Amino acid sequence: MLEKSLAVKSYEILDYKQGDSFYFLKIRVELIDRSVLYIREFVSEEDYNYSFQWQKNGKLIVRWDNAPHHKNVETFPHHKHVGSKDNVRPSKEVSLEDVLRIIEEKLKR
């Protein structure tokens, strides 16, 4: 999927663990506009925990995640931080494919 995205310049797998019924993955992706996407996923039969953090020059653009911190958000536990960690907005559950599609659209503009 990363290889096929027009937004991806390169990527590096930072961590990968796999067991009989789970995997954990951390990847750093360099994008064509010099921004960076940090991917963290834990997938098992019982859980799907994710964080996709897109940033440029160390500043947050958007982070989508499902950490259960923001119980007041209508899409709890799914949410996104836009521009800063304090700007929390509703978000549906997203996959890496969804995030790459969003980034590709924004980079086309």
PDB file of N, CA and C in Angstrom:
ATOM      1  N   MET A   1       0.828  -1.196   0.000  1.00  0.00           N
ATOM      2  CA  MET A   1       0.000   0.000   0.000  1.00  0.00           C
ATOM      3  C   MET A   1       0.868   1.255   0.000  1.00  0.00           C
ATOM      4  N   LEU A   2       1.898   1.295   0.849  1.00  0.00           N
ATOM      5  CA  LEU A   2       2.784   2.461   0.876  1.00  0.00           C
ATOM      6  C   LEU A   2       3.510   2.621  -0.452  1.00  0.00           C
ATOM      7  N   GLU A   3       3.899   1.493  -1.045  1.00  0.00           N
ATOM      8  CA  GLU A   3       4.627   1.541  -2.318  1.00  0.00           C
ATOM      9  C   GLU A   3       3.774   2.119  -3.437  1.00  0.00           C
ATOM     10  N   LYS A   4       2.465   1.962  -3.352  1.00  0.00           N
ATOM     11  CA  LYS A   4       1.569   2.402  -4.420  1.00  0.00           C
ATOM     12  C   LYS A   4       1.081   3.834  -4.255  1.00  0.00           C
ATOM     13  N   SER A   5       1.285   4.416  -3.090  1.00  0.00           N
ATOM     14  CA  SER A   5       0.782   5.768  -2.851  1.00  0.00           C
ATOM     15  C   SER A   5       1.641   6.803  -3.563  1.00  0.00           C
ATOM     16  N   LEU A   6       0.986   7.719  -4.255  1.00  0.00           N
ATOM     17  CA  LEU A   6       1.695   8.799  -4.947  1.00  0.00           C
ATOM     18  C   LEU A   6       2.261   9.823  -3.970  1.00  0.00           C
ATOM     19  N   ALA A   7       1.784   9.812  -2.729  1.00  0.00           N
ATOM     20  CA  ALA A   7       2.243  10.771  -1.723  1.00  0.00           C
ATOM     21  C   ALA A   7       3.520  10.317  -1.015  1.00  0.00           C
ATOM     22  N   VAL A   8       3.869   9.050  -1.117  1.00  0.00           N
ATOM     23  CA  VAL A   8       4.983   8.476  -0.351  1.00  0.00           C
ATOM     24  C   VAL A   8       6.292   8.563  -1.122  1.00  0.00           C
ATOM     25  N   LYS A   9       7.280   9.162  -0.470  1.00  0.00           N
ATOM     26  CA  LYS A   9       8.637   9.214  -1.035  1.00  0.00           C
ATOM     27  C   LYS A   9       9.435   7.991  -0.575  1.00  0.00           C
ATOM     28  N   SER A  10       9.400   7.710   0.742  1.00  0.00           N
ATOM     29  CA  SER A  10      10.108   6.558   1.291  1.00  0.00           C
ATOM     30  C   SER A  10       9.503   6.219   2.652  1.00  0.00           C
ATOM     31  N   TYR A  11       9.851   5.053   3.163  1.00  0.00           N
ATOM     32  CA  TYR A  11       9.386   4.689   4.498  1.00  0.00           C
ATOM     33  C   TYR A  11      10.382   3.759   5.171  1.00  0.00           C
ATOM     34  N   GLU A  12      10.275   3.725   6.495  1.00  0.00           N
ATOM     35  CA  GLU A  12      11.159   2.899   7.307  1.00  0.00           C
ATOM     36  C   GLU A  12      10.322   2.211   8.380  1.00  0.00           C
ATOM     37  N   ILE A  13      10.458   0.899   8.487  1.00  0.00           N
ATOM     38  CA  ILE A  13       9.770   0.153   9.546  1.00  0.00           C
ATOM     39  C   ILE A  13      10.613   0.296  10.806  1.00  0.00           C
ATOM     40  N   LEU A  14      10.042   0.926  11.822  1.00  0.00           N
ATOM     41  CA  LEU A  14      10.755   1.174  13.076  1.00  0.00           C
ATOM     42  C   LEU A  14      10.620   0.019  14.052  1.00  0.00           C
ATOM     43  N   ASP A  15       9.485  -0.670  14.008  1.00  0.00           N
ATOM     44  CA  ASP A  15       9.239  -1.794  14.923  1.00  0.00           C
ATOM     45  C   ASP A  15       8.181  -2.690  14.316  1.00  0.00           C
ATOM     46  N   TYR A  16       8.355  -3.982  14.496  1.00  0.00           N
ATOM     47  CA  TYR A  16       7.351  -4.946  14.046  1.00  0.00           C
ATOM     48  C   TYR A  16       7.429  -6.158  14.953  1.00  0.00           C
ATOM     49  N   LYS A  17       6.283  -6.502  15.509  1.00  0.00           N
ATOM     50  CA  LYS A  17       6.177  -7.704  16.342  1.00  0.00           C
ATOM     51  C   LYS A  17       4.936  -8.453  15.894  1.00  0.00           C
ATOM     52  N   GLN A  18       5.044  -9.786  15.873  1.00  0.00           N
ATOM     53  CA  GLN A  18       3.905 -10.588  15.469  1.00  0.00           C
ATOM     54  C   GLN A  18       3.837 -11.820  16.345  1.00  0.00           C
ATOM     55  N   GLY A  19       2.623 -12.182  16.734  1.00  0.00           N
ATOM     56  CA  GLY A  19       2.384 -13.409  17.483  1.00  0.00           C
ATOM     57  C   GLY A  19       1.330 -14.215  16.766  1.00  0.00           C
ATOM     58  N   ASP A  20       0.829 -15.239  17.438  1.00  0.00           N
ATOM     59  CA  ASP A  20      -0.187 -16.096  16.826  1.00  0.00           C
ATOM     60  C   ASP A  20      -1.454 -15.331  16.462  1.00  0.00           C
ATOM     61  N   SER A  21      -1.821 -14.348  17.292  1.00  0.00           N
ATOM     62  CA  SER A  21      -3.102 -13.676  17.045  1.00  0.00           C
ATOM     63  C   SER A  21      -3.003 -12.153  17.126  1.00  0.00           C
ATOM     64  N   PHE A  22      -1.797 -11.605  16.887  1.00  0.00           N
ATOM     65  CA  PHE A  22      -1.658 -10.151  16.918  1.00  0.00           C
ATOM     66  C   PHE A  22      -0.470  -9.716  16.066  1.00  0.00           C
ATOM     67  N   TYR A  23      -0.460  -8.411  15.755  1.00  0.00           N
ATOM     68  CA  TYR A  23       0.761  -7.790  15.267  1.00  0.00           C
ATOM     69  C   TYR A  23       0.808  -6.347  15.734  1.00  0.00           C
ATOM     70  N   PHE A  24       2.023  -5.841  15.869  1.00  0.00           N
ATOM     71  CA  PHE A  24       2.279  -4.460  16.257  1.00  0.00           C
ATOM     72  C   PHE A  24       3.252  -3.888  15.243  1.00  0.00           C
ATOM     73  N   LEU A  25       2.972  -2.675  14.786  1.00  0.00           N
ATOM     74  CA  LEU A  25       3.748  -2.093  13.699  1.00  0.00           C
ATOM     75  C   LEU A  25       3.950  -0.606  13.943  1.00  0.00           C
ATOM     76  N   LYS A  26       5.172  -0.137  13.749  1.00  0.00           N
ATOM     77  CA  LYS A  26       5.481   1.301  13.758  1.00  0.00           C
ATOM     78  C   LYS A  26       6.290   1.604  12.502  1.00  0.00           C
ATOM     79  N   ILE A  27       5.845   2.621  11.773  1.00  0.00           N
ATOM     80  CA  ILE A  27       6.504   2.996  10.520  1.00  0.00           C
ATOM     81  C   ILE A  27       6.636   4.516  10.464  1.00  0.00           C
ATOM     82  N   ARG A  28       7.752   4.975   9.923  1.00  0.00           N
ATOM     83  CA  ARG A  28       7.951   6.397   9.636  1.00  0.00           C
ATOM     84  C   ARG A  28       7.942   6.547   8.124  1.00  0.00           C
ATOM     85  N   VAL A  29       7.049   7.393   7.619  1.00  0.00           N
ATOM     86  CA  VAL A  29       6.880   7.582   6.184  1.00  0.00           C
ATOM     87  C   VAL A  29       7.260   9.014   5.825  1.00  0.00           C
ATOM     88  N   GLU A  30       8.177   9.165   4.886  1.00  0.00           N
ATOM     89  CA  GLU A  30       8.489  10.489   4.368  1.00  0.00           C
ATOM     90  C   GLU A  30       7.627  10.706   3.128  1.00  0.00           C
ATOM     91  N   LEU A  31       6.943  11.843   3.103  1.00  0.00           N
ATOM     92  CA  LEU A  31       6.036  12.151   2.008  1.00  0.00           C
ATOM     93  C   LEU A  31       6.696  13.096   1.010  1.00  0.00           C
ATOM     94  N   ILE A  32       6.094  13.219  -0.158  1.00  0.00           N
ATOM     95  CA  ILE A  32       6.727  13.963  -1.253  1.00  0.00           C
ATOM     96  C   ILE A  32       6.872  15.454  -0.969  1.00  0.00           C
ATOM     97  N   ASP A  33       6.096  15.988  -0.026  1.00  0.00           N
ATOM     98  CA  ASP A  33       6.208  17.421   0.311  1.00  0.00           C
ATOM     99  C   ASP A  33       7.115  17.646   1.521  1.00  0.00           C
ATOM    100  N   ARG A  34       7.855  16.611   1.924  1.00  0.00           N
ATOM    101  CA  ARG A  34       8.779  16.627   3.055  1.00  0.00           C
ATOM    102  C   ARG A  34       8.073  16.571   4.408  1.00  0.00           C
ATOM    103  N   SER A  35       6.782  16.326   4.394  1.00  0.00           N
ATOM    104  CA  SER A  35       6.092  16.070   5.656  1.00  0.00           C
ATOM    105  C   SER A  35       6.312  14.595   6.006  1.00  0.00           C
ATOM    106  N   VAL A  36       5.911  14.224   7.217  1.00  0.00           N
ATOM    107  CA  VAL A  36       6.153  12.872   7.713  1.00  0.00           C
ATOM    108  C   VAL A  36       4.859  12.310   8.288  1.00  0.00           C
ATOM    109  N   LEU A  37       4.634  11.038   8.045  1.00  0.00           N
ATOM    110  CA  LEU A  37       3.506  10.321   8.628  1.00  0.00           C
ATOM    111  C   LEU A  37       4.063   9.229   9.524  1.00  0.00           C
ATOM    112  N   TYR A  38       3.673   9.258  10.801  1.00  0.00           N
ATOM    113  CA  TYR A  38       4.051   8.203  11.737  1.00  0.00           C
ATOM    114  C   TYR A  38       2.854   7.278  11.901  1.00  0.00           C
ATOM    115  N   ILE A  39       3.079   5.998  11.682  1.00  0.00           N
ATOM    116  CA  ILE A  39       2.024   4.993  11.747  1.00  0.00           C
ATOM    117  C   ILE A  39       2.296   4.084  12.935  1.00  0.00           C
ATOM    118  N   ARG A  40       1.260   3.861  13.740  1.00  0.00           N
ATOM    119  CA  ARG A  40       1.342   2.876  14.824  1.00  0.00           C
ATOM    120  C   ARG A  40       0.039   2.095  14.822  1.00  0.00           C
ATOM    121  N   GLU A  41       0.154   0.770  14.711  1.00  0.00           N
ATOM    122  CA  GLU A  41      -1.023  -0.091  14.731  1.00  0.00           C
ATOM    123  C   GLU A  41      -0.763  -1.307  15.596  1.00  0.00           C
ATOM    124  N   PHE A  42      -1.761  -1.636  16.388  1.00  0.00           N
ATOM    125  CA  PHE A  42      -1.782  -2.907  17.110  1.00  0.00           C
ATOM    126  C   PHE A  42      -3.075  -3.591  16.715  1.00  0.00           C
ATOM    127  N   VAL A  43      -2.964  -4.777  16.152  1.00  0.00           N
ATOM    128  CA  VAL A  43      -4.138  -5.501  15.679  1.00  0.00           C
ATOM    129  C   VAL A  43      -4.130  -6.898  16.277  1.00  0.00           C
ATOM    130  N   SER A  44      -5.259  -7.246  16.894  1.00  0.00           N
ATOM    131  CA  SER A  44      -5.443  -8.608  17.405  1.00  0.00           C
ATOM    132  C   SER A  44      -6.895  -8.991  17.164  1.00  0.00           C
ATOM    133  N   GLU A  45      -7.263 -10.194  17.582  1.00  0.00           N
ATOM    134  CA  GLU A  45      -8.653 -10.624  17.426  1.00  0.00           C
ATOM    135  C   GLU A  45      -9.597  -9.755  18.256  1.00  0.00           C
ATOM    136  N   GLU A  46      -9.116  -9.224  19.377  1.00  0.00           N
ATOM    137  CA  GLU A  46      -9.954  -8.433  20.280  1.00  0.00           C
ATOM    138  C   GLU A  46      -9.801  -6.924  20.095  1.00  0.00           C
ATOM    139  N   ASP A  47      -8.658  -6.461  19.618  1.00  0.00           N
ATOM    140  CA  ASP A  47      -8.354  -5.028  19.610  1.00  0.00           C
ATOM    141  C   ASP A  47      -7.844  -4.537  18.265  1.00  0.00           C
ATOM    142  N   TYR A  48      -8.132  -3.260  18.032  1.00  0.00           N
ATOM    143  CA  TYR A  48      -7.488  -2.532  16.942  1.00  0.00           C
ATOM    144  C   TYR A  48      -7.178  -1.148  17.500  1.00  0.00           C
ATOM    145  N   ASN A  49      -5.914  -0.884  17.780  1.00  0.00           N
ATOM    146  CA  ASN A  49      -5.471   0.418  18.277  1.00  0.00           C
ATOM    147  C   ASN A  49      -4.581   1.041  17.212  1.00  0.00           C
ATOM    148  N   TYR A  50      -4.854   2.306  16.934  1.00  0.00           N
ATOM    149  CA  TYR A  50      -4.111   2.951  15.868  1.00  0.00           C
ATOM    150  C   TYR A  50      -3.808   4.405  16.198  1.00  0.00           C
ATOM    151  N   SER A  51      -2.763   4.893  15.567  1.00  0.00           N
ATOM    152  CA  SER A  51      -2.430   6.308  15.570  1.00  0.00           C
ATOM    153  C   SER A  51      -1.712   6.589  14.259  1.00  0.00           C
ATOM    154  N   PHE A  52      -2.224   7.576  13.529  1.00  0.00           N
ATOM    155  CA  PHE A  52      -1.609   8.021  12.283  1.00  0.00           C
ATOM    156  C   PHE A  52      -1.343   9.509  12.460  1.00  0.00           C
ATOM    157  N   GLN A  53      -0.073   9.865  12.651  1.00  0.00           N
ATOM    158  CA  GLN A  53       0.271  11.264  12.927  1.00  0.00           C
ATOM    159  C   GLN A  53       1.005  11.860  11.743  1.00  0.00           C
ATOM    160  N   TRP A  54       0.398  12.877  11.145  1.00  0.00           N
ATOM    161  CA  TRP A  54       0.955  13.577   9.992  1.00  0.00           C
ATOM    162  C   TRP A  54       1.482  14.919  10.480  1.00  0.00           C
ATOM    163  N   GLN A  55       2.748  15.183  10.203  1.00  0.00           N
ATOM    164  CA  GLN A  55       3.347  16.432  10.661  1.00  0.00           C
ATOM    165  C   GLN A  55       4.361  16.945   9.651  1.00  0.00           C
ATOM    166  N   LYS A  56       4.659  18.234   9.780  1.00  0.00           N
ATOM    167  CA  LYS A  56       5.673  18.844   8.923  1.00  0.00           C
ATOM    168  C   LYS A  56       6.487  19.802   9.766  1.00  0.00           C
ATOM    169  N   ASN A  57       7.816  19.714   9.634  1.00  0.00           N
ATOM    170  CA  ASN A  57       8.740  20.544  10.417  1.00  0.00           C
ATOM    171  C   ASN A  57       8.438  20.444  11.915  1.00  0.00           C
ATOM    172  N   GLY A  58       8.083  19.250  12.373  1.00  0.00           N
ATOM    173  CA  GLY A  58       7.814  19.021  13.785  1.00  0.00           C
ATOM    174  C   GLY A  58       6.470  19.525  14.275  1.00  0.00           C
ATOM    175  N   LYS A  59       5.655  20.086  13.378  1.00  0.00           N
ATOM    176  CA  LYS A  59       4.346  20.624  13.775  1.00  0.00           C
ATOM    177  C   LYS A  59       3.233  19.698  13.291  1.00  0.00           C
ATOM    178  N   LEU A  60       2.312  19.425  14.185  1.00  0.00           N
ATOM    179  CA  LEU A  60       1.203  18.539  13.883  1.00  0.00           C
ATOM    180  C   LEU A  60       0.287  19.129  12.813  1.00  0.00           C
ATOM    181  N   ILE A  61      -0.023  18.311  11.819  1.00  0.00           N
ATOM    182  CA  ILE A  61      -1.057  18.658  10.840  1.00  0.00           C
ATOM    183  C   ILE A  61      -2.352  17.989  11.290  1.00  0.00           C
ATOM    184  N   VAL A  62      -2.331  16.657  11.341  1.00  0.00           N
ATOM    185  CA  VAL A  62      -3.475  15.886  11.836  1.00  0.00           C
ATOM    186  C   VAL A  62      -2.961  14.596  12.467  1.00  0.00           C
ATOM    187  N   ARG A  63      -3.577  14.201  13.566  1.00  0.00           N
ATOM    188  CA  ARG A  63      -3.348  12.857  14.121  1.00  0.00           C
ATOM    189  C   ARG A  63      -4.701  12.204  14.324  1.00  0.00           C
ATOM    190  N   TRP A  64      -4.879  11.062  13.689  1.00  0.00           N
ATOM    191  CA  TRP A  64      -6.072  10.250  13.877  1.00  0.00           C
ATOM    192  C   TRP A  64      -5.709   9.143  14.856  1.00  0.00           C
ATOM    193  N   ASP A  65      -6.542   8.930  15.883  1.00  0.00           N
ATOM    194  CA  ASP A  65      -6.267   7.814  16.789  1.00  0.00           C
ATOM    195  C   ASP A  65      -7.527   7.385  17.513  1.00  0.00           C
ATOM    196  N   ASN A  66      -7.396   6.278  18.224  1.00  0.00           N
ATOM    197  CA  ASN A  66      -8.531   5.784  19.002  1.00  0.00           C
ATOM    198  C   ASN A  66      -8.133   5.516  20.451  1.00  0.00           C
ATOM    199  N   ALA A  67      -7.163   6.284  20.958  1.00  0.00           N
ATOM    200  CA  ALA A  67      -6.833   6.200  22.382  1.00  0.00           C
ATOM    201  C   ALA A  67      -8.058   6.692  23.162  1.00  0.00           C
ATOM    202  N   PRO A  68      -8.446   5.992  24.221  1.00  0.00           N
ATOM    203  CA  PRO A  68      -9.705   6.312  24.906  1.00  0.00           C
ATOM    204  C   PRO A  68      -9.605   7.472  25.892  1.00  0.00           C
ATOM    205  N   HIS A  69      -9.086   8.624  25.458  1.00  0.00           N
ATOM    206  CA  HIS A  69      -8.949   9.779  26.360  1.00  0.00           C
ATOM    207  C   HIS A  69     -10.145  10.728  26.303  1.00  0.00           C
ATOM    208  N   HIS A  70     -10.737  10.886  25.157  1.00  0.00           N
ATOM    209  CA  HIS A  70     -11.691  11.975  24.936  1.00  0.00           C
ATOM    210  C   HIS A  70     -13.126  11.442  24.900  1.00  0.00           C
ATOM    211  N   LYS A  71     -13.637  11.133  26.077  1.00  0.00           N
ATOM    212  CA  LYS A  71     -14.961  10.508  26.184  1.00  0.00           C
ATOM    213  C   LYS A  71     -16.091  11.434  25.757  1.00  0.00           C
ATOM    214  N   ASN A  72     -15.843  12.729  25.715  1.00  0.00           N
ATOM    215  CA  ASN A  72     -16.871  13.689  25.327  1.00  0.00           C
ATOM    216  C   ASN A  72     -17.038  13.803  23.814  1.00  0.00           C
ATOM    217  N   VAL A  73     -16.147  13.215  23.035  1.00  0.00           N
ATOM    218  CA  VAL A  73     -16.234  13.279  21.574  1.00  0.00           C
ATOM    219  C   VAL A  73     -17.282  12.274  21.103  1.00  0.00           C
ATOM    220  N   GLU A  74     -18.180  12.709  20.250  1.00  0.00           N
ATOM    221  CA  GLU A  74     -19.307  11.872  19.836  1.00  0.00           C
ATOM    222  C   GLU A  74     -18.897  10.580  19.138  1.00  0.00           C
ATOM    223  N   THR A  75     -17.701  10.532  18.568  1.00  0.00           N
ATOM    224  CA  THR A  75     -17.234   9.328  17.883  1.00  0.00           C
ATOM    225  C   THR A  75     -16.281   8.505  18.763  1.00  0.00           C
ATOM    226  N   PHE A  76     -16.284   8.765  20.062  1.00  0.00           N
ATOM    227  CA  PHE A  76     -15.417   8.068  21.024  1.00  0.00           C
ATOM    228  C   PHE A  76     -15.405   6.572  20.749  1.00  0.00           C
ATOM    229  N   PRO A  77     -14.230   5.943  20.740  1.00  0.00           N
ATOM    230  CA  PRO A  77     -12.904   6.487  21.049  1.00  0.00           C
ATOM    231  C   PRO A  77     -12.192   7.100  19.838  1.00  0.00           C
ATOM    232  N   HIS A  78     -12.800   7.025  18.666  1.00  0.00           N
ATOM    233  CA  HIS A  78     -12.163   7.541  17.451  1.00  0.00           C
ATOM    234  C   HIS A  78     -12.240   9.065  17.438  1.00  0.00           C
ATOM    235  N   HIS A  79     -11.108   9.694  17.122  1.00  0.00           N
ATOM    236  CA  HIS A  79     -11.042  11.152  17.079  1.00  0.00           C
ATOM    237  C   HIS A  79      -9.806  11.567  16.292  1.00  0.00           C
ATOM    238  N   LYS A  80      -9.703  12.877  16.061  1.00  0.00           N
ATOM    239  CA  LYS A  80      -8.501  13.395  15.405  1.00  0.00           C
ATOM    240  C   LYS A  80      -8.112  14.703  16.074  1.00  0.00           C
ATOM    241  N   HIS A  81      -6.818  14.978  16.050  1.00  0.00           N
ATOM    242  CA  HIS A  81      -6.246  16.223  16.557  1.00  0.00           C
ATOM    243  C   HIS A  81      -5.829  17.010  15.317  1.00  0.00           C
ATOM    244  N   VAL A  82      -6.338  18.223  15.178  1.00  0.00           N
ATOM    245  CA  VAL A  82      -6.060  19.012  13.981  1.00  0.00           C
ATOM    246  C   VAL A  82      -5.264  20.251  14.371  1.00  0.00           C
ATOM    247  N   GLY A  83      -4.024  20.326  13.909  1.00  0.00           N
ATOM    248  CA  GLY A  83      -3.186  21.495  14.151  1.00  0.00           C
ATOM    249  C   GLY A  83      -2.511  21.541  15.507  1.00  0.00           C
ATOM    250  N   SER A  84      -3.138  20.954  16.517  1.00  0.00           N
ATOM    251  CA  SER A  84      -2.528  20.862  17.846  1.00  0.00           C
ATOM    252  C   SER A  84      -3.194  19.727  18.607  1.00  0.00           C
ATOM    253  N   LYS A  85      -2.519  19.244  19.620  1.00  0.00           N
ATOM    254  CA  LYS A  85      -3.087  18.127  20.385  1.00  0.00           C
ATOM    255  C   LYS A  85      -4.347  18.530  21.134  1.00  0.00           C
ATOM    256  N   ASP A  86      -4.534  19.835  21.356  1.00  0.00           N
ATOM    257  CA  ASP A  86      -5.702  20.315  22.088  1.00  0.00           C
ATOM    258  C   ASP A  86      -6.941  20.500  21.212  1.00  0.00           C
ATOM    259  N   ASN A  87      -6.769  20.524  19.910  1.00  0.00           N
ATOM    260  CA  ASN A  87      -7.898  20.706  18.994  1.00  0.00           C
ATOM    261  C   ASN A  87      -8.421  19.323  18.587  1.00  0.00           C
ATOM    262  N   VAL A  88      -9.296  18.764  19.417  1.00  0.00           N
ATOM    263  CA  VAL A  88      -9.816  17.409  19.227  1.00  0.00           C
ATOM    264  C   VAL A  88     -11.158  17.483  18.515  1.00  0.00           C
ATOM    265  N   ARG A  89     -11.289  16.681  17.467  1.00  0.00           N
ATOM    266  CA  ARG A  89     -12.525  16.668  16.679  1.00  0.00           C
ATOM    267  C   ARG A  89     -13.003  15.236  16.475  1.00  0.00           C
ATOM    268  N   PRO A  90     -14.283  15.066  16.211  1.00  0.00           N
ATOM    269  CA  PRO A  90     -14.801  13.725  15.913  1.00  0.00           C
ATOM    270  C   PRO A  90     -14.158  13.157  14.648  1.00  0.00           C
ATOM    271  N   SER A  91     -14.054  11.853  14.605  1.00  0.00           N
ATOM    272  CA  SER A  91     -13.517  11.174  13.432  1.00  0.00           C
ATOM    273  C   SER A  91     -14.026   9.745  13.422  1.00  0.00           C
ATOM    274  N   LYS A  92     -14.355   9.247  12.259  1.00  0.00           N
ATOM    275  CA  LYS A  92     -14.710   7.840  12.169  1.00  0.00           C
ATOM    276  C   LYS A  92     -13.437   7.006  12.268  1.00  0.00           C
ATOM    277  N   GLU A  93     -13.587   5.723  12.476  1.00  0.00           N
ATOM    278  CA  GLU A  93     -12.426   4.833  12.464  1.00  0.00           C
ATOM    279  C   GLU A  93     -11.775   4.910  11.095  1.00  0.00           C
ATOM    280  N   VAL A  94     -10.459   5.043  11.068  1.00  0.00           N
ATOM    281  CA  VAL A  94      -9.739   5.142   9.801  1.00  0.00           C
ATOM    282  C   VAL A  94      -8.695   4.037   9.689  1.00  0.00           C
ATOM    283  N   SER A  95      -8.376   3.728   8.465  1.00  0.00           N
ATOM    284  CA  SER A  95      -7.313   2.768   8.169  1.00  0.00           C
ATOM    285  C   SER A  95      -6.156   3.533   7.532  1.00  0.00           C
ATOM    286  N   LEU A  96      -5.050   2.870   7.357  1.00  0.00           N
ATOM    287  CA  LEU A  96      -3.917   3.489   6.666  1.00  0.00           C
ATOM    288  C   LEU A  96      -4.319   3.896   5.251  1.00  0.00           C
ATOM    289  N   GLU A  97      -5.091   3.076   4.605  1.00  0.00           N
ATOM    290  CA  GLU A  97      -5.557   3.399   3.257  1.00  0.00           C
ATOM    291  C   GLU A  97      -6.372   4.700   3.241  1.00  0.00           C
ATOM    292  N   ASP A  98      -7.251   4.873   4.233  1.00  0.00           N
ATOM    293  CA  ASP A  98      -8.043   6.104   4.345  1.00  0.00           C
ATOM    294  C   ASP A  98      -7.133   7.318   4.523  1.00  0.00           C
ATOM    295  N   VAL A  99      -6.173   7.188   5.407  1.00  0.00           N
ATOM    296  CA  VAL A  99      -5.272   8.300   5.714  1.00  0.00           C
ATOM    297  C   VAL A  99      -4.445   8.675   4.491  1.00  0.00           C
ATOM    298  N   LEU A 100      -3.919   7.693   3.786  1.00  0.00           N
ATOM    299  CA  LEU A 100      -3.142   7.982   2.578  1.00  0.00           C
ATOM    300  C   LEU A 100      -3.993   8.667   1.525  1.00  0.00           C
ATOM    301  N   ARG A 101      -5.232   8.267   1.396  1.00  0.00           N
ATOM    302  CA  ARG A 101      -6.138   8.898   0.430  1.00  0.00           C
ATOM    303  C   ARG A 101      -6.372  10.367   0.798  1.00  0.00           C
ATOM    304  N   ILE A 102      -6.585  10.644   2.075  1.00  0.00           N
ATOM    305  CA  ILE A 102      -6.782  12.022   2.547  1.00  0.00           C
ATOM    306  C   ILE A 102      -5.533  12.865   2.266  1.00  0.00           C
ATOM    307  N   ILE A 103      -4.372  12.321   2.597  1.00  0.00           N
ATOM    308  CA  ILE A 103      -3.116  13.058   2.382  1.00  0.00           C
ATOM    309  C   ILE A 103      -2.889  13.310   0.884  1.00  0.00           C
ATOM    310  N   GLU A 104      -3.117  12.291   0.063  1.00  0.00           N
ATOM    311  CA  GLU A 104      -2.948  12.475  -1.383  1.00  0.00           C
ATOM    312  C   GLU A 104      -3.837  13.604  -1.903  1.00  0.00           C
ATOM    313  N   GLU A 105      -5.078  13.637  -1.443  1.00  0.00           N
ATOM    314  CA  GLU A 105      -6.008  14.694  -1.871  1.00  0.00           C
ATOM    315  C   GLU A 105      -5.503  16.071  -1.457  1.00  0.00           C
ATOM    316  N   LYS A 106      -5.032  16.196  -0.219  1.00  0.00           N
ATOM    317  CA  LYS A 106      -4.552  17.486   0.270  1.00  0.00           C
ATOM    318  C   LYS A 106      -3.281  17.924  -0.460  1.00  0.00           C
ATOM    319  N   LEU A 107      -2.422  16.978  -0.809  1.00  0.00           N
ATOM    320  CA  LEU A 107      -1.178  17.327  -1.504  1.00  0.00           C
ATOM    321  C   LEU A 107      -1.414  17.701  -2.959  1.00  0.00           C
ATOM    322  N   LYS A 108      -2.526  17.272  -3.542  1.00  0.00           N
ATOM    323  CA  LYS A 108      -2.852  17.635  -4.929  1.00  0.00           C
ATOM    324  C   LYS A 108      -3.182  19.118  -5.053  1.00  0.00           C
ATOM    325  N   ARG A 109      -3.662  19.713  -3.963  1.00  0.00           N
ATOM    326  CA  ARG A 109      -4.118  21.116  -4.004  1.00  0.00           C
ATOM    327  C   ARG A 109      -2.980  22.091  -4.093  1.00  0.00           C
TER     328      ARG A 109
END
